[in-house]
Amino acid sequence: MPDIPIPLAIHRGERDITVTWAEDHRSVFSTRDLRIACHCAQCRDEFTGRLLLEPGAVPVDITAKKVELVGTYAVRFDWSDGHHTGIYTYEYLKEICPCEVCRAGGAGKAGAS
């Protein structure tokens, strides 16, 4: 079983969330993209994974009002649109990492976890 990735730091910016995995690997997510990527039961069909959330309903200027750790495996955001039920596991955040190395198929290989 692979090691669960653990971030070194999570920084909440005005329009982005930066997760530092290692000295040489950072995931910088736009807050809007991360909100749309929520896969809670309100946003995704639990059985098919089909997106239930209408992306156009997510404000362009959405912000993360609060970031809260969930145990040692995930984070939860309080979004400015009132949504707060989604849990983003560290594994999921690594899976959707928008960095060039991960987008090119090197997910999990960009730096140490």
N, C-alpha and C. Protein backbone atom coordinates (compact mmCIF):
# COMPACT_ATOMS: atom_id res chain seq x y z
N MET A 1 0.84 -1.18 0.00
CA MET A 1 0.00 0.00 0.00
C MET A 1 0.89 1.24 0.00
N PRO A 2 0.65 2.19 -0.91
CA PRO A 2 1.50 3.37 -0.98
C PRO A 2 1.31 4.26 0.25
N ASP A 3 2.35 5.04 0.54
CA ASP A 3 2.27 5.98 1.66
C ASP A 3 1.24 7.05 1.37
N ILE A 4 0.52 7.46 2.40
CA ILE A 4 -0.44 8.55 2.26
C ILE A 4 0.36 9.85 2.23
N PRO A 5 0.12 10.69 1.21
CA PRO A 5 0.85 11.95 1.15
C PRO A 5 0.44 12.87 2.29
N ILE A 6 1.40 13.53 2.88
CA ILE A 6 1.13 14.48 3.96
C ILE A 6 1.76 15.81 3.55
N PRO A 7 0.96 16.87 3.48
CA PRO A 7 1.54 18.16 3.11
C PRO A 7 2.39 18.75 4.23
N LEU A 8 3.40 19.51 3.83
CA LEU A 8 4.21 20.23 4.79
C LEU A 8 3.49 21.50 5.25
N ALA A 9 2.72 22.10 4.33
CA ALA A 9 2.00 23.34 4.65
C ALA A 9 0.82 23.51 3.70
N ILE A 10 -0.19 24.21 4.19
CA ILE A 10 -1.34 24.59 3.37
C ILE A 10 -1.56 26.08 3.60
N HIS A 11 -1.53 26.84 2.50
CA HIS A 11 -1.67 28.30 2.60
C HIS A 11 -2.94 28.74 1.88
N ARG A 12 -3.77 29.50 2.58
CA ARG A 12 -5.00 30.02 2.02
C ARG A 12 -4.75 31.45 1.54
N GLY A 13 -4.75 31.61 0.23
CA GLY A 13 -4.63 32.94 -0.36
C GLY A 13 -6.01 33.49 -0.69
N GLU A 14 -6.06 34.67 -1.26
CA GLU A 14 -7.33 35.28 -1.62
C GLU A 14 -8.06 34.48 -2.70
N ARG A 15 -7.35 34.06 -3.74
CA ARG A 15 -7.96 33.34 -4.86
C ARG A 15 -7.30 32.00 -5.14
N ASP A 16 -6.44 31.55 -4.22
CA ASP A 16 -5.82 30.24 -4.41
C ASP A 16 -5.51 29.57 -3.09
N ILE A 17 -5.30 28.28 -3.18
CA ILE A 17 -4.87 27.46 -2.04
C ILE A 17 -3.58 26.80 -2.50
N THR A 18 -2.51 26.97 -1.72
CA THR A 18 -1.23 26.36 -2.05
C THR A 18 -0.93 25.25 -1.05
N VAL A 19 -0.71 24.06 -1.58
CA VAL A 19 -0.34 22.92 -0.75
C VAL A 19 1.12 22.61 -1.06
N THR A 20 1.96 22.68 -0.05
CA THR A 20 3.38 22.36 -0.21
C THR A 20 3.57 20.92 0.25
N TRP A 21 3.95 20.07 -0.71
CA TRP A 21 4.15 18.64 -0.41
C TRP A 21 5.60 18.36 -0.04
N ALA A 22 6.50 19.01 -0.71
CA ALA A 22 7.94 18.84 -0.49
C ALA A 22 8.60 20.12 -0.95
N GLU A 23 9.87 20.25 -0.66
CA GLU A 23 10.59 21.46 -1.03
C GLU A 23 10.47 21.77 -2.52
N ASP A 24 10.35 20.71 -3.33
CA ASP A 24 10.31 20.90 -4.78
C ASP A 24 8.94 20.59 -5.40
N HIS A 25 7.89 20.50 -4.58
CA HIS A 25 6.56 20.21 -5.13
C HIS A 25 5.46 20.97 -4.39
N ARG A 26 4.83 21.88 -5.14
CA ARG A 26 3.71 22.65 -4.61
C ARG A 26 2.54 22.52 -5.57
N SER A 27 1.35 22.37 -5.00
CA SER A 27 0.11 22.38 -5.78
C SER A 27 -0.56 23.71 -5.51
N VAL A 28 -0.78 24.49 -6.57
CA VAL A 28 -1.46 25.77 -6.42
C VAL A 28 -2.81 25.63 -7.13
N PHE A 29 -3.87 25.58 -6.34
CA PHE A 29 -5.23 25.41 -6.85
C PHE A 29 -5.95 26.75 -6.84
N SER A 30 -6.66 27.07 -7.91
CA SER A 30 -7.53 28.24 -7.84
C SER A 30 -8.68 27.85 -6.92
N THR A 31 -9.17 28.79 -6.13
CA THR A 31 -10.25 28.48 -5.20
C THR A 31 -11.49 28.00 -5.96
N ARG A 32 -11.76 28.58 -7.10
CA ARG A 32 -12.94 28.17 -7.88
C ARG A 32 -12.79 26.74 -8.38
N ASP A 33 -11.64 26.41 -8.94
CA ASP A 33 -11.41 25.04 -9.43
C ASP A 33 -11.51 24.03 -8.29
N LEU A 34 -10.97 24.40 -7.14
CA LEU A 34 -11.02 23.48 -6.00
C LEU A 34 -12.46 23.31 -5.51
N ARG A 35 -13.22 24.38 -5.49
CA ARG A 35 -14.63 24.28 -5.08
C ARG A 35 -15.40 23.38 -6.04
N ILE A 36 -15.17 23.55 -7.34
CA ILE A 36 -15.86 22.72 -8.34
C ILE A 36 -15.42 21.26 -8.22
N ALA A 37 -14.21 21.01 -7.75
CA ALA A 37 -13.69 19.65 -7.62
C ALA A 37 -14.22 18.92 -6.38
N CYS A 38 -15.05 19.59 -5.59
CA CYS A 38 -15.61 18.95 -4.40
C CYS A 38 -16.36 17.69 -4.81
N HIS A 39 -16.15 16.62 -4.07
CA HIS A 39 -16.85 15.39 -4.42
C HIS A 39 -17.69 14.85 -3.27
N CYS A 40 -18.28 15.79 -2.51
CA CYS A 40 -19.22 15.39 -1.47
C CYS A 40 -20.53 14.94 -2.13
N ALA A 41 -21.43 14.38 -1.35
CA ALA A 41 -22.69 13.86 -1.89
C ALA A 41 -23.58 14.94 -2.49
N GLN A 42 -23.40 16.20 -2.09
CA GLN A 42 -24.18 17.29 -2.68
C GLN A 42 -23.64 17.69 -4.05
N CYS A 43 -22.35 17.46 -4.28
CA CYS A 43 -21.71 17.93 -5.50
C CYS A 43 -21.49 16.83 -6.54
N ARG A 44 -21.43 15.59 -6.12
CA ARG A 44 -21.20 14.45 -7.02
C ARG A 44 -22.15 13.32 -6.68
N ASP A 45 -22.62 12.62 -7.69
CA ASP A 45 -23.44 11.44 -7.46
C ASP A 45 -22.56 10.40 -6.77
N GLU A 46 -23.03 9.88 -5.66
CA GLU A 46 -22.24 8.95 -4.86
C GLU A 46 -21.92 7.64 -5.58
N PHE A 47 -22.77 7.26 -6.52
CA PHE A 47 -22.58 5.97 -7.19
C PHE A 47 -21.86 6.09 -8.53
N THR A 48 -22.17 7.13 -9.28
CA THR A 48 -21.58 7.27 -10.62
C THR A 48 -20.43 8.26 -10.67
N GLY A 49 -20.35 9.16 -9.67
CA GLY A 49 -19.32 10.20 -9.69
C GLY A 49 -19.69 11.38 -10.58
N ARG A 50 -20.89 11.32 -11.19
CA ARG A 50 -21.35 12.40 -12.08
C ARG A 50 -21.46 13.71 -11.30
N LEU A 51 -20.99 14.78 -11.92
CA LEU A 51 -21.04 16.10 -11.30
C LEU A 51 -22.49 16.55 -11.16
N LEU A 52 -22.90 16.86 -9.94
CA LEU A 52 -24.23 17.39 -9.67
C LEU A 52 -24.19 18.91 -9.56
N LEU A 53 -23.05 19.41 -9.14
CA LEU A 53 -22.85 20.85 -9.00
C LEU A 53 -22.77 21.48 -10.38
N GLU A 54 -23.51 22.54 -10.57
CA GLU A 54 -23.46 23.29 -11.83
C GLU A 54 -22.27 24.25 -11.73
N PRO A 55 -21.18 24.02 -12.49
CA PRO A 55 -20.01 24.89 -12.38
C PRO A 55 -20.33 26.38 -12.55
N GLY A 56 -21.29 26.70 -13.39
CA GLY A 56 -21.67 28.09 -13.59
C GLY A 56 -22.27 28.74 -12.36
N ALA A 57 -22.71 27.92 -11.40
CA ALA A 57 -23.29 28.44 -10.17
C ALA A 57 -22.22 28.83 -9.14
N VAL A 58 -20.98 28.42 -9.40
CA VAL A 58 -19.88 28.75 -8.48
C VAL A 58 -19.33 30.12 -8.86
N PRO A 59 -19.40 31.07 -7.92
CA PRO A 59 -18.92 32.42 -8.23
C PRO A 59 -17.45 32.45 -8.65
N VAL A 60 -17.16 33.30 -9.59
CA VAL A 60 -15.77 33.47 -10.07
C VAL A 60 -14.87 33.94 -8.93
N ASP A 61 -15.43 34.73 -8.03
CA ASP A 61 -14.63 35.31 -6.95
C ASP A 61 -14.76 34.55 -5.63
N ILE A 62 -15.10 33.27 -5.70
CA ILE A 62 -15.26 32.47 -4.48
C ILE A 62 -13.95 32.43 -3.69
N THR A 63 -14.09 32.40 -2.38
CA THR A 63 -12.91 32.32 -1.51
C THR A 63 -13.11 31.21 -0.49
N ALA A 64 -12.02 30.75 0.05
CA ALA A 64 -12.07 29.81 1.17
C ALA A 64 -11.98 30.66 2.43
N LYS A 65 -13.07 30.74 3.16
CA LYS A 65 -13.10 31.56 4.37
C LYS A 65 -12.34 30.89 5.51
N LYS A 66 -12.28 29.56 5.46
CA LYS A 66 -11.63 28.81 6.54
C LYS A 66 -11.10 27.50 5.98
N VAL A 67 -9.95 27.07 6.48
CA VAL A 67 -9.38 25.76 6.15
C VAL A 67 -9.23 25.01 7.46
N GLU A 68 -9.77 23.80 7.49
CA GLU A 68 -9.74 23.02 8.72
C GLU A 68 -9.19 21.63 8.44
N LEU A 69 -8.25 21.19 9.26
CA LEU A 69 -7.71 19.84 9.12
C LEU A 69 -8.75 18.82 9.56
N VAL A 70 -8.80 17.71 8.86
CA VAL A 70 -9.68 16.60 9.21
C VAL A 70 -8.75 15.43 9.53
N GLY A 71 -8.59 15.17 10.79
CA GLY A 71 -7.66 14.12 11.21
C GLY A 71 -6.27 14.39 10.65
N THR A 72 -5.63 13.33 10.21
CA THR A 72 -4.29 13.45 9.62
C THR A 72 -4.32 13.10 8.13
N TYR A 73 -5.52 13.15 7.53
CA TYR A 73 -5.64 12.67 6.16
C TYR A 73 -6.33 13.61 5.19
N ALA A 74 -6.88 14.74 5.67
CA ALA A 74 -7.70 15.57 4.77
C ALA A 74 -7.84 17.00 5.30
N VAL A 75 -8.44 17.84 4.44
CA VAL A 75 -8.81 19.21 4.83
C VAL A 75 -10.26 19.45 4.40
N ARG A 76 -10.87 20.41 5.08
CA ARG A 76 -12.22 20.83 4.75
C ARG A 76 -12.21 22.35 4.65
N PHE A 77 -12.94 22.87 3.68
CA PHE A 77 -12.98 24.32 3.47
C PHE A 77 -14.38 24.85 3.76
N ASP A 78 -14.44 26.02 4.34
CA ASP A 78 -15.69 26.77 4.43
C ASP A 78 -15.62 27.77 3.28
N TRP A 79 -16.44 27.54 2.26
CA TRP A 79 -16.42 28.39 1.07
C TRP A 79 -17.33 29.59 1.24
N SER A 80 -17.00 30.66 0.56
CA SER A 80 -17.80 31.89 0.65
C SER A 80 -19.19 31.75 0.05
N ASP A 81 -19.45 30.65 -0.69
CA ASP A 81 -20.80 30.42 -1.21
C ASP A 81 -21.67 29.63 -0.22
N GLY A 82 -21.14 29.39 0.98
CA GLY A 82 -21.89 28.71 2.02
C GLY A 82 -21.65 27.21 2.10
N HIS A 83 -20.97 26.64 1.10
CA HIS A 83 -20.71 25.20 1.10
C HIS A 83 -19.59 24.87 2.08
N HIS A 84 -19.75 23.77 2.82
CA HIS A 84 -18.71 23.39 3.78
C HIS A 84 -18.69 21.90 4.10
N THR A 85 -19.34 21.08 3.29
CA THR A 85 -19.41 19.66 3.63
C THR A 85 -18.37 18.79 2.94
N GLY A 86 -17.67 19.30 1.97
CA GLY A 86 -16.70 18.49 1.25
C GLY A 86 -15.41 18.28 2.02
N ILE A 87 -14.92 17.07 1.98
CA ILE A 87 -13.62 16.74 2.57
C ILE A 87 -12.68 16.38 1.43
N TYR A 88 -11.54 17.03 1.40
CA TYR A 88 -10.53 16.81 0.36
C TYR A 88 -9.39 16.03 1.01
N THR A 89 -9.31 14.73 0.71
CA THR A 89 -8.22 13.96 1.28
C THR A 89 -6.91 14.41 0.64
N TYR A 90 -5.83 14.17 1.32
CA TYR A 90 -4.53 14.53 0.76
C TYR A 90 -4.27 13.73 -0.51
N GLU A 91 -4.71 12.48 -0.53
CA GLU A 91 -4.55 11.67 -1.74
C GLU A 91 -5.30 12.29 -2.91
N TYR A 92 -6.52 12.77 -2.66
CA TYR A 92 -7.31 13.40 -3.73
C TYR A 92 -6.64 14.69 -4.21
N LEU A 93 -6.13 15.48 -3.29
CA LEU A 93 -5.45 16.72 -3.69
C LEU A 93 -4.22 16.42 -4.54
N LYS A 94 -3.48 15.37 -4.20
CA LYS A 94 -2.33 14.98 -5.04
C LYS A 94 -2.81 14.52 -6.41
N GLU A 95 -3.92 13.78 -6.42
CA GLU A 95 -4.48 13.25 -7.67
C GLU A 95 -4.89 14.37 -8.63
N ILE A 96 -5.42 15.47 -8.10
CA ILE A 96 -5.89 16.56 -8.96
C ILE A 96 -4.89 17.72 -9.02
N CYS A 97 -3.67 17.47 -8.59
CA CYS A 97 -2.63 18.51 -8.60
C CYS A 97 -2.49 19.11 -10.00
N PRO A 98 -2.58 20.45 -10.09
CA PRO A 98 -2.50 21.10 -11.41
C PRO A 98 -1.09 21.43 -11.88
N CYS A 99 -0.05 21.01 -11.16
CA CYS A 99 1.31 21.38 -11.58
C CYS A 99 1.66 20.69 -12.90
N GLU A 100 2.63 21.23 -13.58
CA GLU A 100 3.02 20.70 -14.90
C GLU A 100 3.46 19.25 -14.83
N VAL A 101 4.23 18.88 -13.83
CA VAL A 101 4.72 17.50 -13.72
C VAL A 101 3.56 16.53 -13.54
N CYS A 102 2.62 16.87 -12.65
CA CYS A 102 1.49 15.98 -12.40
C CYS A 102 0.54 15.93 -13.61
N ARG A 103 0.32 17.06 -14.26
CA ARG A 103 -0.55 17.07 -15.44
C ARG A 103 0.06 16.26 -16.58
N ALA A 104 1.38 16.15 -16.61
CA ALA A 104 2.05 15.39 -17.66
C ALA A 104 2.10 13.90 -17.35
N GLY A 105 1.45 13.50 -16.26
CA GLY A 105 1.40 12.09 -15.92
C GLY A 105 2.37 11.68 -14.84
N GLY A 106 3.00 12.63 -14.23
CA GLY A 106 3.94 12.30 -13.16
C GLY A 106 3.34 12.46 -11.78
N ALA A 107 2.01 12.35 -11.69
CA ALA A 107 1.33 12.53 -10.41
C ALA A 107 1.97 11.66 -9.34
N GLY A 108 2.24 12.28 -8.21
CA GLY A 108 2.86 11.55 -7.12
C GLY A 108 4.36 11.42 -7.27
N LYS A 109 4.90 11.81 -8.42
CA LYS A 109 6.34 11.68 -8.64
C LYS A 109 7.06 13.01 -8.50
N ALA A 110 6.29 14.10 -8.44
CA ALA A 110 6.90 15.42 -8.31
C ALA A 110 7.29 15.61 -6.85
N GLY A 111 8.50 15.34 -6.53
CA GLY A 111 8.99 15.53 -5.18
C GLY A 111 8.49 14.42 -4.26
N ALA A 112 9.00 14.44 -3.08
CA ALA A 112 8.58 13.45 -2.08
C ALA A 112 7.28 13.89 -1.46
N SER A 113 6.54 12.96 -0.92
CA SER A 113 5.27 13.26 -0.27
C SER A 113 5.49 13.89 1.07
